[in-house]
């Protein structure tokens, strides 16, 4: 079995974790196949490239060409629009969904004018709502590169996904983990997605052994909100859902880029009704002007 992965440390670490789980549960050996994507070699900002979809399409090309059997993505990188050639065969149990601050102090203790790096409009908007007196610097590159900017003194702090830092063994450098009340994560954050061709029914069954139903319900609700708002992965939309086995609770927010205005809504419903709940929440948010706040980002 050949698992296609980007060559970055984060991607290979994530893919190896999934490969090890499959071997543990099925006894099947999994070979990692490294793939270089255009998004890995260009210096352009991700938002200009059409977001993290550039990473996804390269892996999908290899699936179609038959060079790999399945691929592992960070779910928050996957476009919410369904491509019928592929199927999400497994959504393993989610890791930490929260955002983390790596830096010299907690956000509240950083001096006015301190420089905080992040490539995400969502994080910038939500951080501004907490501290409008800091300077937010768009950065890109892998976790090492970003953390390096703090060590070199170029930045006072950077914000990254907590799950990624844990996977890389860098959690000791975290100054603060943001609760969802402070920073609402990107839809699907902390979740990995195992994807294969829809026609590979033999494979779908094999891969499904790692699927976690509660994780799937939660992230389906989150991604449905994003899709129903017709927002791309660079839009300032946060969403987090939790399935306790009976009830699904979801909170979503759209924040103006200056951090001064936000539309934030919560809903609860049956765990089996995840997509409907997501659409319902998005409709309520649009009724309260969420699309106008998002529109400001795109101009």
Protein backbone atom coordinates (compact mmCIF):
# COMPACT_ATOMS: atom_id res chain seq x y z
CA UNK A 1 0.00 0.00 0.00
CA UNK A 2 1.45 3.34 -1.07
CA UNK A 3 0.55 6.44 0.93
CA UNK A 4 1.19 9.72 -0.89
CA UNK A 5 2.46 12.59 1.25
CA UNK A 6 3.98 16.02 0.84
CA UNK A 7 7.67 15.99 1.76
CA UNK A 8 7.50 18.57 4.55
CA UNK A 9 8.34 17.36 8.06
CA UNK A 10 4.79 18.06 9.22
CA UNK A 11 3.21 16.14 6.34
CA UNK A 12 5.50 13.13 6.60
CA UNK A 13 5.08 13.01 10.38
CA UNK A 14 1.29 13.05 10.03
CA UNK A 15 1.35 10.46 7.26
CA UNK A 16 3.68 8.18 9.22
CA UNK A 17 1.35 8.36 12.24
CA UNK A 18 -1.55 7.24 10.05
CA UNK A 19 0.55 4.53 8.37
CA UNK A 20 1.60 3.16 11.78
CA UNK A 21 -2.03 3.06 12.93
CA UNK A 22 -3.05 1.07 9.85
CA UNK A 23 -0.19 -1.38 10.31
CA UNK A 24 -1.13 -1.74 13.99
CA UNK A 25 -4.80 -2.45 13.20
CA UNK A 26 -4.50 -4.47 9.99
CA UNK A 27 -0.97 -5.88 9.88
CA UNK A 28 -0.60 -4.33 6.41
CA UNK A 29 2.73 -2.66 5.54
CA UNK A 30 2.38 0.92 4.27
CA UNK A 31 5.01 2.66 2.16
CA UNK A 32 5.28 6.46 2.23
CA UNK A 33 5.74 8.09 -1.19
CA UNK A 34 6.99 11.69 -1.05
CA UNK A 35 5.48 14.18 -3.50
CA UNK A 36 6.74 17.70 -4.18
CA UNK A 37 3.93 20.20 -4.80
CA UNK A 38 4.01 23.63 -6.41
CA UNK A 39 2.90 25.08 -3.07
CA UNK A 40 6.08 23.71 -1.48
CA UNK A 41 8.51 25.34 -3.93
CA UNK A 42 6.97 28.76 -4.61
CA UNK A 43 7.52 31.78 -2.38
CA UNK A 44 4.13 33.34 -3.13
CA UNK A 45 1.64 33.83 -0.32
CA UNK A 46 -0.83 30.96 -0.02
CA UNK A 47 -3.82 33.28 -0.30
CA UNK A 48 -2.54 34.34 -3.76
CA UNK A 49 -2.12 30.73 -4.87
CA UNK A 50 -5.76 29.96 -4.15
CA UNK A 51 -5.02 28.78 -0.64
CA UNK A 52 -3.83 25.40 0.57
CA UNK A 53 -5.71 23.66 -2.26
CA UNK A 54 -2.43 23.71 -4.22
CA UNK A 55 -1.07 21.05 -1.86
CA UNK A 56 -4.19 18.93 -2.20
CA UNK A 57 -4.39 18.93 -6.00
CA UNK A 58 -0.84 17.57 -6.41
CA UNK A 59 -1.64 14.61 -4.15
CA UNK A 60 -4.94 14.05 -5.94
CA UNK A 61 -3.15 13.98 -9.31
CA UNK A 62 -0.99 11.09 -8.04
CA UNK A 63 -4.11 9.21 -6.89
CA UNK A 64 -5.64 9.59 -10.35
CA UNK A 65 -2.40 8.55 -12.06
CA UNK A 66 -2.29 5.45 -9.84
CA UNK A 67 1.13 6.32 -8.40
CA UNK A 68 -0.22 6.14 -4.84
CA UNK A 69 -3.16 4.26 -3.30
CA UNK A 70 -4.26 6.84 -0.77
CA UNK A 71 -3.25 10.22 0.65
CA UNK A 72 -3.34 11.93 4.03
CA UNK A 73 -4.28 15.62 4.21
CA UNK A 74 -4.75 18.11 6.99
CA UNK A 75 -8.53 18.34 6.78
CA UNK A 76 -8.53 22.13 7.05
CA UNK A 77 -6.56 22.24 3.75
CA UNK A 78 -9.21 20.28 1.83
CA UNK A 79 -11.64 22.32 -0.30
CA UNK A 80 -15.17 21.97 1.11
CA UNK A 81 -16.62 21.54 -2.37
CA UNK A 82 -16.99 17.81 -3.02
CA UNK A 83 -14.99 16.29 -5.88
CA UNK A 84 -16.80 13.08 -6.80
CA UNK A 85 -13.65 11.34 -8.03
CA UNK A 86 -12.45 11.03 -4.43
CA UNK A 87 -13.83 9.82 -1.13
CA UNK A 88 -12.83 10.57 2.47
CA UNK A 89 -12.39 6.93 3.48
CA UNK A 90 -11.38 7.77 7.05
CA UNK A 91 -11.33 10.69 9.44
CA UNK A 92 -9.25 9.38 12.35
CA UNK A 93 -9.87 10.62 15.88
CA UNK A 94 -9.16 14.32 16.03
CA UNK A 95 -6.17 15.78 17.82
CA UNK A 96 -6.17 19.14 19.62
CA UNK A 97 -8.34 21.57 17.65
CA UNK A 98 -6.99 24.75 19.25
CA UNK A 99 -4.56 27.46 18.16
CA UNK A 100 -1.31 28.02 20.06
CA UNK A 101 0.97 31.00 20.61
CA UNK A 102 4.71 30.39 20.42
CA UNK A 103 6.58 33.39 21.78
CA UNK A 104 8.18 35.32 24.55
CA UNK A 105 4.98 35.79 26.59
CA UNK A 106 1.24 35.17 26.60
CA UNK A 107 -0.79 37.38 24.27
CA UNK A 108 -2.07 39.55 27.15
CA UNK A 109 1.52 40.15 28.36
CA UNK A 110 3.08 41.14 25.03
CA UNK A 111 4.01 44.85 24.94
CA UNK A 112 1.98 47.20 22.73
CA UNK A 113 3.28 47.14 19.15
CA UNK A 114 4.73 43.64 19.50
CA UNK A 115 4.93 41.73 16.20
CA UNK A 116 2.83 38.57 15.90
CA UNK A 117 3.19 36.40 12.80
CA UNK A 118 0.44 34.39 11.14
CA UNK A 119 -0.57 33.70 7.53
CA UNK A 120 -4.25 33.25 8.40
CA UNK A 121 -6.83 36.06 7.95
CA UNK A 122 -9.03 34.21 10.46
CA UNK A 123 -6.35 34.33 13.15
CA UNK A 124 -5.48 37.96 12.42
CA UNK A 125 -9.11 39.09 12.68
CA UNK A 126 -9.72 37.17 15.92
CA UNK A 127 -6.40 38.22 17.48
CA UNK A 128 -7.17 41.87 16.68
CA UNK A 129 -10.44 41.47 18.59
CA UNK A 130 -8.32 40.46 21.61
CA UNK A 131 -5.36 42.86 21.10
CA UNK A 132 -5.85 45.61 18.52
CA UNK A 133 -2.60 47.29 19.63
CA UNK A 134 -0.29 44.57 18.28
CA UNK A 135 1.19 44.37 14.79
CA UNK A 136 0.11 41.31 12.82
CA UNK A 137 2.62 40.19 10.21
CA UNK A 138 1.64 37.77 7.39
CA UNK A 139 4.16 34.93 7.25
CA UNK A 140 4.41 31.56 5.54
CA UNK A 141 6.72 28.58 5.59
CA UNK A 142 6.79 25.48 7.74
CA UNK A 143 6.51 25.45 11.55
CA UNK A 144 10.32 25.44 11.96
CA UNK A 145 10.70 28.52 9.77
CA UNK A 146 7.94 30.35 11.63
CA UNK A 147 9.21 29.49 15.11
CA UNK A 148 12.70 30.46 13.94
CA UNK A 149 11.46 34.04 13.41
CA UNK A 150 10.65 34.22 17.14
CA UNK A 151 14.04 32.80 18.18
CA UNK A 152 15.85 35.25 15.87
CA UNK A 153 13.91 38.19 17.36
CA UNK A 154 12.29 39.11 14.04
CA UNK A 155 8.88 38.44 15.61
CA UNK A 156 7.69 38.44 19.23
CA UNK A 157 5.30 35.53 18.67
CA UNK A 158 3.69 33.31 16.03
CA UNK A 159 0.34 31.53 16.08
CA UNK A 160 0.17 27.93 14.87
CA UNK A 161 -2.16 24.97 15.26
CA UNK A 162 -1.56 23.23 18.58
CA UNK A 163 -1.94 19.76 17.00
CA UNK A 164 0.87 20.38 14.52
CA UNK A 165 3.25 21.55 17.23
CA UNK A 166 2.48 18.43 19.28
CA UNK A 167 3.04 16.17 16.26
CA UNK A 168 6.43 17.79 15.72
CA UNK A 169 7.34 17.51 19.42
CA UNK A 170 7.52 21.30 19.82
CA UNK A 171 4.82 21.74 22.48
CA UNK A 172 7.43 22.85 25.07
CA UNK A 173 7.76 26.12 23.14
CA UNK A 174 4.07 27.03 23.48
CA UNK A 175 3.46 30.13 25.61
CA UNK A 176 -0.33 29.89 25.44
CA UNK A 177 -3.07 27.70 24.03
CA UNK A 178 -6.16 29.65 23.03
CA UNK A 179 -9.53 28.32 24.14
CA UNK A 180 -12.29 28.42 21.51
CA UNK A 181 -13.91 31.39 23.28
CA UNK A 182 -10.79 33.43 22.40
CA UNK A 183 -9.80 32.02 19.01
CA UNK A 184 -12.30 29.87 17.17
CA UNK A 185 -10.31 27.33 15.12
CA UNK A 186 -10.49 26.79 11.37
CA UNK A 187 -13.13 24.22 10.35
CA UNK A 188 -11.55 20.77 10.62
CA UNK A 189 -8.46 22.00 12.47
CA UNK A 190 -6.54 19.23 14.26
CA UNK A 191 -8.18 16.61 12.05
CA UNK A 192 -6.49 14.41 9.44
CA UNK A 193 -8.28 13.12 6.34
CA UNK A 194 -7.52 9.86 4.53
CA UNK A 195 -8.54 10.11 0.88
CA UNK A 196 -8.64 7.62 -2.00
CA UNK A 197 -10.34 7.24 -5.38
CA UNK A 198 -14.10 6.67 -5.12
CA UNK A 199 -13.84 3.67 -7.48
CA UNK A 200 -11.42 1.82 -5.15
CA UNK A 201 -14.11 0.03 -3.15
CA UNK A 202 -11.52 -2.55 -2.03
CA UNK A 203 -9.50 0.22 -0.45
CA UNK A 204 -12.38 2.16 1.09
CA UNK A 205 -13.26 -0.76 3.33
CA UNK A 206 -9.64 -1.27 4.38
CA UNK A 207 -9.14 2.42 5.16
CA UNK A 208 -12.40 2.80 7.09
CA UNK A 209 -10.98 0.95 10.12
CA UNK A 210 -9.49 4.25 11.33
CA UNK A 211 -12.68 6.28 10.92
CA UNK A 212 -13.93 8.00 14.07
CA UNK A 213 -17.67 8.68 13.86
CA UNK A 214 -17.73 11.51 16.42
CA UNK A 215 -14.87 13.28 14.68
CA UNK A 216 -16.62 12.85 11.32
CA UNK A 217 -19.91 14.30 12.62
CA UNK A 218 -18.14 17.30 14.15
CA UNK A 219 -15.99 18.18 11.16
CA UNK A 220 -18.82 17.62 8.66
CA UNK A 221 -20.86 20.22 10.57
CA UNK A 222 -17.92 22.66 10.64
CA UNK A 223 -17.08 22.24 6.95
CA UNK A 224 -20.75 22.53 5.96
CA UNK A 225 -20.86 25.97 7.62
CA UNK A 226 -17.80 27.05 5.62
CA UNK A 227 -19.25 25.65 2.40
CA UNK A 228 -22.71 27.18 2.96
CA UNK A 229 -21.09 30.57 3.61
CA UNK A 230 -19.32 29.98 0.27
CA UNK A 231 -16.06 30.91 1.91
CA UNK A 232 -12.66 29.62 0.88
CA UNK A 233 -10.01 28.38 3.28
CA UNK A 234 -8.52 31.89 3.50
CA UNK A 235 -11.75 33.51 4.71
CA UNK A 236 -11.99 34.68 8.34
CA UNK A 237 -14.35 31.88 9.38
CA UNK A 238 -13.93 29.88 12.56
CA UNK A 239 -16.03 26.87 13.53
CA UNK A 240 -15.87 24.20 16.18
CA UNK A 241 -18.25 21.32 16.84
CA UNK A 242 -18.26 18.58 19.46
CA UNK A 243 -20.21 15.33 19.29
CA UNK A 244 -20.77 13.72 22.70
CA UNK A 245 -22.34 10.65 21.15
CA UNK A 246 -25.91 11.99 21.24
CA UNK A 247 -25.81 15.74 20.75
CA UNK A 248 -23.73 17.81 18.38
CA UNK A 249 -22.87 21.31 19.58
CA UNK A 250 -21.42 23.78 17.10
CA UNK A 251 -20.22 27.38 17.28
CA UNK A 252 -19.14 29.39 14.24
CA UNK A 253 -17.99 32.96 13.70
CA UNK A 254 -17.06 35.39 10.96
CA UNK A 255 -14.93 38.32 12.11
CA UNK A 256 -14.21 41.60 10.32
CA UNK A 257 -10.51 41.92 9.42
CA UNK A 258 -10.10 44.84 11.84
CA UNK A 259 -11.50 42.69 14.65
CA UNK A 260 -14.20 45.18 15.61
CA UNK A 261 -17.30 43.32 14.38
CA UNK A 262 -18.24 39.68 14.38
CA UNK A 263 -21.20 37.40 13.69
CA UNK A 264 -21.03 34.49 16.11
CA UNK A 265 -23.72 31.81 16.45
CA UNK A 266 -24.14 28.47 18.20
CA UNK A 267 -26.54 25.58 17.63
CA UNK A 268 -27.16 22.09 18.94
CA UNK A 269 -28.85 19.08 17.40
CA UNK A 270 -28.72 15.35 16.85
CA UNK A 271 -25.29 13.87 16.04
CA UNK A 272 -26.76 12.19 12.95
CA UNK A 273 -27.84 15.56 11.58
CA UNK A 274 -24.42 17.19 11.22
CA UNK A 275 -24.72 18.61 7.69
CA UNK A 276 -28.22 19.98 8.27
CA UNK A 277 -27.07 21.65 11.48
CA UNK A 278 -24.18 23.27 9.65
CA UNK A 279 -26.45 24.63 6.91
CA UNK A 280 -28.90 25.95 9.51
CA UNK A 281 -26.15 27.79 11.40
CA UNK A 282 -24.73 29.29 8.19
CA UNK A 283 -28.20 30.53 7.20
CA UNK A 284 -28.59 32.25 10.59
CA UNK A 285 -25.15 33.84 10.21
CA UNK A 286 -25.92 35.10 6.70
CA UNK A 287 -29.18 36.57 8.00
CA UNK A 288 -27.10 38.56 10.47
CA UNK A 289 -24.74 39.91 7.79
CA UNK A 290 -21.87 37.42 7.84
CA UNK A 291 -21.45 37.71 4.07
CA UNK A 292 -20.83 41.47 4.35
CA UNK A 293 -18.01 40.92 6.85
CA UNK A 294 -16.46 38.29 4.56
CA UNK A 295 -16.88 40.50 1.52
CA UNK A 296 -14.65 43.13 3.13
CA UNK A 297 -11.80 40.63 3.19
CA UNK A 298 -11.97 39.84 -0.51
CA UNK A 299 -11.79 43.45 -1.78
